Amino acid sequence: MNDTAWHHLPNAPHIDAILADAKRRPQAWAAAQEEAVAARAEAAWAAAWAAAWAAAQEAARAAVRVEAARAAVRAAARAAVWPAVLALVTWDDSAKLLGMTPDQLRVWIALSDDPAAILLLPAVIALDDHRGENCRESLVKEFG
């Protein structure tokens, strides 16, 4: 049984997968965050971040904050992990975006007003970094 503070959330397997992958490959996550920051509009990022914080329940926010702080994710990767975890906690249907490639997600961001997509871009970039190793597919199989 998963004893994390978010184990009861619908996207718990995806949160666990992202934290596990970031722990294994912090440099990839840090690079993904840099790439996403360079490519995104600051206003859109700020709006998505604000929407996520406003929509998340206080208990979920506190639990994620505490558990993420305790996670063994290195500081360089945290900047990429936090937005992904926040999006998965806030929007139950956001996990479907993890199956997209970075280019597909960038198109989705351009065509929609989905704040989860903006927040998940670093995760999708980091997961795509392992495409030759079928990282995304194995995480989906392993964690649902």
Foldseek 3Di string as FASTA:
>chain_A
DDDALCPVALCVLVLVLLLVLLLVPVVLLLVLLVVLVVPDDPVLLVVLVVVLVVQADPSVVVRCVVVVVVRNHDPSNVSLSVLQNSLVRRDVPLVVLLPDALVVLVVVVVVDSNSSSSSCSSVNSSQVVCVVVVSSVVSVVVRD
